[in-house]
Amino acid sequence: MRWDSIATGVVLAIAPVLGFAAYGAIYVTAIRPHHDFHWFVHDLFLGTDEFRTRIVSISLIADAFLFFVFDRFQMHKAMRGVIFAMLAYGIYIVSSIAIDQLSKFGWL
């Protein structure tokens, strides 16, 4: 498999999962030490629509690090794959915010 490909960038752009885990670990150890990671995932992330898009947005910082690693090694096609994946995450975030706002106004 060729490492400098768009598919590699898209597949490795699951880095926000690691960013989510890192943010969750920081959140339950420094911000809310009386809670655990299970609470972070099930109650805060899955249970609250208000914080879901914010947590996903913060988790995308891990994709930025991946993007710059690919840039360092001159892997331009893989960088395009990361950008494509970040745009897909962005579409999810924008549509989720729009649906939340429309339902808040009673239009959905």
N, C-alpha and C. Protein backbone atom coordinates (compact mmCIF):
# COMPACT_ATOMS: atom_id res chain seq x y z
N MET A 1 0.83 -1.18 0.00
CA MET A 1 0.00 0.00 0.00
C MET A 1 0.88 1.24 0.00
N ARG A 2 0.51 2.14 -0.81
CA ARG A 2 1.23 3.39 -0.91
C ARG A 2 0.75 4.34 0.18
N TRP A 3 1.67 4.86 0.98
CA TRP A 3 1.29 5.68 2.12
C TRP A 3 0.87 7.08 1.73
N ASP A 4 1.36 7.58 0.61
CA ASP A 4 0.99 8.92 0.17
C ASP A 4 -0.22 8.83 -0.75
N SER A 5 -1.38 8.57 -0.16
CA SER A 5 -2.61 8.50 -0.94
C SER A 5 -3.74 9.16 -0.17
N ILE A 6 -4.76 9.54 -0.89
CA ILE A 6 -5.92 10.17 -0.26
C ILE A 6 -6.59 9.19 0.70
N ALA A 7 -6.64 7.92 0.32
CA ALA A 7 -7.26 6.91 1.19
C ALA A 7 -6.53 6.80 2.53
N THR A 8 -5.23 6.89 2.51
CA THR A 8 -4.46 6.86 3.76
C THR A 8 -4.83 8.03 4.64
N GLY A 9 -4.95 9.21 4.06
CA GLY A 9 -5.32 10.39 4.83
C GLY A 9 -6.71 10.29 5.43
N VAL A 10 -7.64 9.73 4.64
CA VAL A 10 -9.01 9.58 5.14
C VAL A 10 -9.06 8.55 6.26
N VAL A 11 -8.38 7.43 6.07
CA VAL A 11 -8.41 6.36 7.09
C VAL A 11 -7.72 6.82 8.37
N LEU A 12 -6.57 7.45 8.24
CA LEU A 12 -5.86 7.91 9.43
C LEU A 12 -6.50 9.14 10.05
N ALA A 13 -7.47 9.73 9.38
CA ALA A 13 -8.15 10.89 9.93
C ALA A 13 -9.20 10.50 10.96
N ILE A 14 -9.12 9.27 11.45
CA ILE A 14 -9.93 8.91 12.61
C ILE A 14 -9.22 9.37 13.88
N ALA A 15 -8.20 10.18 13.71
CA ALA A 15 -7.46 10.74 14.84
C ALA A 15 -8.35 11.50 15.82
N PRO A 16 -9.48 12.10 15.38
CA PRO A 16 -10.35 12.73 16.38
C PRO A 16 -10.87 11.75 17.44
N VAL A 17 -10.88 10.47 17.14
CA VAL A 17 -11.25 9.50 18.17
C VAL A 17 -10.21 9.53 19.29
N LEU A 18 -8.94 9.61 18.91
CA LEU A 18 -7.89 9.75 19.91
C LEU A 18 -7.96 11.12 20.59
N GLY A 19 -8.31 12.15 19.82
CA GLY A 19 -8.50 13.47 20.40
C GLY A 19 -9.67 13.50 21.37
N PHE A 20 -10.73 12.77 21.05
CA PHE A 20 -11.88 12.65 21.94
C PHE A 20 -11.47 11.98 23.25
N ALA A 21 -10.70 10.90 23.13
CA ALA A 21 -10.25 10.19 24.33
C ALA A 21 -9.31 11.07 25.16
N ALA A 22 -8.43 11.81 24.50
CA ALA A 22 -7.52 12.69 25.23
C ALA A 22 -8.27 13.82 25.91
N TYR A 23 -9.22 14.43 25.21
CA TYR A 23 -10.02 15.50 25.82
C TYR A 23 -10.85 14.96 26.98
N GLY A 24 -11.42 13.77 26.80
CA GLY A 24 -12.19 13.16 27.88
C GLY A 24 -11.33 12.87 29.10
N ALA A 25 -10.12 12.39 28.86
CA ALA A 25 -9.22 12.12 29.99
C ALA A 25 -8.84 13.41 30.71
N ILE A 26 -8.59 14.46 29.97
CA ILE A 26 -8.28 15.74 30.60
C ILE A 26 -9.49 16.28 31.35
N TYR A 27 -10.66 16.14 30.75
CA TYR A 27 -11.89 16.67 31.35
C TYR A 27 -12.21 15.98 32.68
N VAL A 28 -12.08 14.65 32.73
CA VAL A 28 -12.45 13.94 33.95
C VAL A 28 -11.34 13.91 34.99
N THR A 29 -10.14 14.32 34.63
CA THR A 29 -9.08 14.37 35.64
C THR A 29 -8.84 15.79 36.15
N ALA A 30 -8.94 16.79 35.29
CA ALA A 30 -8.62 18.15 35.71
C ALA A 30 -9.86 19.02 35.94
N ILE A 31 -10.85 18.92 35.08
CA ILE A 31 -12.00 19.82 35.18
C ILE A 31 -13.06 19.26 36.13
N ARG A 32 -13.44 18.01 35.94
CA ARG A 32 -14.44 17.36 36.78
C ARG A 32 -13.87 16.06 37.36
N PRO A 33 -13.00 16.15 38.35
CA PRO A 33 -12.33 14.94 38.85
C PRO A 33 -13.26 13.97 39.59
N HIS A 34 -14.45 14.40 39.96
CA HIS A 34 -15.38 13.50 40.64
C HIS A 34 -16.19 12.64 39.68
N HIS A 35 -15.98 12.80 38.38
CA HIS A 35 -16.64 11.97 37.37
C HIS A 35 -15.61 11.04 36.73
N ASP A 36 -16.12 10.05 35.98
CA ASP A 36 -15.22 9.13 35.29
C ASP A 36 -15.44 9.24 33.78
N PHE A 37 -14.65 8.49 33.03
CA PHE A 37 -14.71 8.55 31.57
C PHE A 37 -16.05 8.03 31.05
N HIS A 38 -16.61 7.05 31.73
CA HIS A 38 -17.93 6.53 31.34
C HIS A 38 -18.97 7.65 31.40
N TRP A 39 -18.93 8.48 32.43
CA TRP A 39 -19.85 9.61 32.55
C TRP A 39 -19.62 10.58 31.39
N PHE A 40 -18.36 10.83 31.05
CA PHE A 40 -18.05 11.76 29.97
C PHE A 40 -18.66 11.29 28.66
N VAL A 41 -18.51 10.01 28.36
CA VAL A 41 -19.02 9.49 27.08
C VAL A 41 -20.54 9.42 27.08
N HIS A 42 -21.11 8.77 28.08
CA HIS A 42 -22.54 8.47 28.03
C HIS A 42 -23.43 9.63 28.46
N ASP A 43 -23.06 10.35 29.49
CA ASP A 43 -23.92 11.42 29.96
C ASP A 43 -23.64 12.75 29.27
N LEU A 44 -22.39 13.11 29.17
CA LEU A 44 -22.06 14.42 28.60
C LEU A 44 -22.11 14.40 27.07
N PHE A 45 -21.43 13.44 26.45
CA PHE A 45 -21.34 13.43 24.98
C PHE A 45 -22.61 12.89 24.33
N LEU A 46 -23.03 11.71 24.70
CA LEU A 46 -24.20 11.10 24.06
C LEU A 46 -25.51 11.61 24.63
N GLY A 47 -25.51 12.03 25.89
CA GLY A 47 -26.75 12.42 26.53
C GLY A 47 -27.12 13.88 26.37
N THR A 48 -26.20 14.72 25.96
CA THR A 48 -26.45 16.15 25.87
C THR A 48 -26.17 16.62 24.45
N ASP A 49 -27.22 17.05 23.75
CA ASP A 49 -27.04 17.53 22.38
C ASP A 49 -26.23 18.82 22.32
N GLU A 50 -26.31 19.62 23.37
CA GLU A 50 -25.65 20.92 23.39
C GLU A 50 -24.13 20.80 23.31
N PHE A 51 -23.57 19.79 23.95
CA PHE A 51 -22.12 19.67 24.03
C PHE A 51 -21.53 18.75 22.95
N ARG A 52 -22.34 18.01 22.26
CA ARG A 52 -21.84 17.03 21.29
C ARG A 52 -21.01 17.68 20.19
N THR A 53 -21.53 18.73 19.58
CA THR A 53 -20.79 19.37 18.49
C THR A 53 -19.54 20.09 19.00
N ARG A 54 -19.60 20.60 20.21
CA ARG A 54 -18.42 21.26 20.78
C ARG A 54 -17.30 20.27 21.04
N ILE A 55 -17.66 19.10 21.55
CA ILE A 55 -16.65 18.09 21.83
C ILE A 55 -16.05 17.55 20.53
N VAL A 56 -16.89 17.35 19.51
CA VAL A 56 -16.37 16.89 18.22
C VAL A 56 -15.45 17.94 17.62
N SER A 57 -15.79 19.22 17.76
CA SER A 57 -14.94 20.28 17.23
C SER A 57 -13.58 20.31 17.92
N ILE A 58 -13.57 20.15 19.24
CA ILE A 58 -12.31 20.12 19.96
C ILE A 58 -11.49 18.89 19.58
N SER A 59 -12.18 17.79 19.33
CA SER A 59 -11.48 16.56 18.96
C SER A 59 -10.79 16.66 17.61
N LEU A 60 -11.23 17.58 16.77
CA LEU A 60 -10.62 17.75 15.44
C LEU A 60 -9.21 18.33 15.50
N ILE A 61 -8.80 18.81 16.66
CA ILE A 61 -7.44 19.30 16.80
C ILE A 61 -6.44 18.19 16.49
N ALA A 62 -6.81 16.94 16.80
CA ALA A 62 -5.93 15.81 16.50
C ALA A 62 -5.70 15.67 14.99
N ASP A 63 -6.72 15.99 14.19
CA ASP A 63 -6.53 15.96 12.74
C ASP A 63 -5.56 17.04 12.27
N ALA A 64 -5.54 18.16 12.95
CA ALA A 64 -4.58 19.21 12.59
C ALA A 64 -3.15 18.73 12.81
N PHE A 65 -2.91 18.03 13.91
CA PHE A 65 -1.58 17.47 14.15
C PHE A 65 -1.23 16.46 13.06
N LEU A 66 -2.19 15.61 12.68
CA LEU A 66 -1.95 14.63 11.62
C LEU A 66 -1.64 15.32 10.30
N PHE A 67 -2.36 16.41 10.01
CA PHE A 67 -2.12 17.17 8.80
C PHE A 67 -0.69 17.69 8.74
N PHE A 68 -0.20 18.23 9.85
CA PHE A 68 1.15 18.79 9.87
C PHE A 68 2.22 17.70 9.85
N VAL A 69 1.92 16.52 10.36
CA VAL A 69 2.86 15.40 10.25
C VAL A 69 3.00 15.00 8.78
N PHE A 70 1.87 14.92 8.08
CA PHE A 70 1.93 14.61 6.65
C PHE A 70 2.65 15.70 5.88
N ASP A 71 2.48 16.95 6.28
CA ASP A 71 3.17 18.04 5.63
C ASP A 71 4.68 17.93 5.85
N ARG A 72 5.07 17.54 7.04
CA ARG A 72 6.49 17.40 7.36
C ARG A 72 7.17 16.36 6.47
N PHE A 73 6.44 15.28 6.15
CA PHE A 73 7.00 14.21 5.34
C PHE A 73 6.63 14.33 3.86
N GLN A 74 6.15 15.51 3.44
CA GLN A 74 5.83 15.79 2.04
C GLN A 74 4.83 14.80 1.45
N MET A 75 3.82 14.42 2.22
CA MET A 75 2.78 13.49 1.78
C MET A 75 1.53 14.30 1.44
N HIS A 76 1.55 14.93 0.27
CA HIS A 76 0.51 15.88 -0.10
C HIS A 76 -0.83 15.22 -0.38
N LYS A 77 -0.84 14.04 -0.94
CA LYS A 77 -2.11 13.36 -1.19
C LYS A 77 -2.76 12.92 0.11
N ALA A 78 -1.98 12.48 1.07
CA ALA A 78 -2.53 12.11 2.37
C ALA A 78 -3.07 13.35 3.08
N MET A 79 -2.42 14.49 2.87
CA MET A 79 -2.92 15.75 3.44
C MET A 79 -4.29 16.07 2.86
N ARG A 80 -4.49 15.81 1.58
CA ARG A 80 -5.80 16.03 0.96
C ARG A 80 -6.85 15.13 1.58
N GLY A 81 -6.47 13.90 1.90
CA GLY A 81 -7.40 12.98 2.55
C GLY A 81 -7.81 13.47 3.93
N VAL A 82 -6.87 14.04 4.67
CA VAL A 82 -7.19 14.59 5.99
C VAL A 82 -8.14 15.78 5.84
N ILE A 83 -7.88 16.62 4.85
CA ILE A 83 -8.77 17.76 4.61
C ILE A 83 -10.17 17.27 4.24
N PHE A 84 -10.26 16.26 3.41
CA PHE A 84 -11.56 15.69 3.04
C PHE A 84 -12.30 15.17 4.27
N ALA A 85 -11.59 14.46 5.13
CA ALA A 85 -12.22 13.94 6.34
C ALA A 85 -12.66 15.07 7.27
N MET A 86 -11.84 16.12 7.37
CA MET A 86 -12.22 17.26 8.22
C MET A 86 -13.44 17.98 7.65
N LEU A 87 -13.56 18.04 6.34
CA LEU A 87 -14.76 18.62 5.75
C LEU A 87 -15.98 17.77 6.04
N ALA A 88 -15.82 16.45 6.05
CA ALA A 88 -16.94 15.57 6.40
C ALA A 88 -17.37 15.79 7.85
N TYR A 89 -16.38 15.91 8.75
CA TYR A 89 -16.71 16.23 10.14
C TYR A 89 -17.40 17.59 10.22
N GLY A 90 -16.93 18.54 9.44
CA GLY A 90 -17.53 19.88 9.43
C GLY A 90 -18.96 19.86 8.96
N ILE A 91 -19.26 19.05 7.95
CA ILE A 91 -20.64 18.92 7.48
C ILE A 91 -21.51 18.36 8.59
N TYR A 92 -20.99 17.36 9.32
CA TYR A 92 -21.75 16.82 10.45
C TYR A 92 -21.99 17.88 11.50
N ILE A 93 -20.96 18.67 11.84
CA ILE A 93 -21.09 19.68 12.89
C ILE A 93 -22.09 20.75 12.49
N VAL A 94 -21.99 21.26 11.27
CA VAL A 94 -22.89 22.33 10.82
C VAL A 94 -24.32 21.82 10.73
N SER A 95 -24.52 20.63 10.18
CA SER A 95 -25.89 20.11 10.08
C SER A 95 -26.48 19.81 11.45
N SER A 96 -25.68 19.34 12.37
CA SER A 96 -26.16 19.07 13.72
C SER A 96 -26.55 20.37 14.43
N ILE A 97 -25.74 21.40 14.28
CA ILE A 97 -26.08 22.70 14.88
C ILE A 97 -27.36 23.25 14.25
N ALA A 98 -27.50 23.14 12.94
CA ALA A 98 -28.70 23.64 12.26
C ALA A 98 -29.94 22.89 12.74
N ILE A 99 -29.85 21.59 12.86
CA ILE A 99 -31.00 20.81 13.33
C ILE A 99 -31.35 21.16 14.76
N ASP A 100 -30.34 21.33 15.62
CA ASP A 100 -30.59 21.72 17.00
C ASP A 100 -31.27 23.09 17.09
N GLN A 101 -30.81 24.03 16.29
CA GLN A 101 -31.39 25.37 16.33
C GLN A 101 -32.82 25.38 15.77
N LEU A 102 -33.04 24.63 14.68
CA LEU A 102 -34.38 24.58 14.12
C LEU A 102 -35.36 23.90 15.06
N SER A 103 -34.91 22.87 15.75
CA SER A 103 -35.80 22.20 16.70
C SER A 103 -36.04 23.07 17.93
N LYS A 104 -35.05 23.89 18.30
CA LYS A 104 -35.23 24.79 19.44
C LYS A 104 -36.30 25.84 19.15
N PHE A 105 -36.39 26.28 17.90
CA PHE A 105 -37.41 27.24 17.52
C PHE A 105 -38.74 26.58 17.18
N GLY A 106 -38.79 25.26 17.20
CA GLY A 106 -40.02 24.54 16.93
C GLY A 106 -40.32 24.35 15.46
N TRP A 107 -39.33 24.50 14.60
CA TRP A 107 -39.55 24.36 13.17
C TRP A 107 -39.38 22.92 12.70
N LEU A 108 -38.86 22.05 13.56
CA LEU A 108 -38.71 20.63 13.21
C LEU A 108 -39.48 19.79 14.18
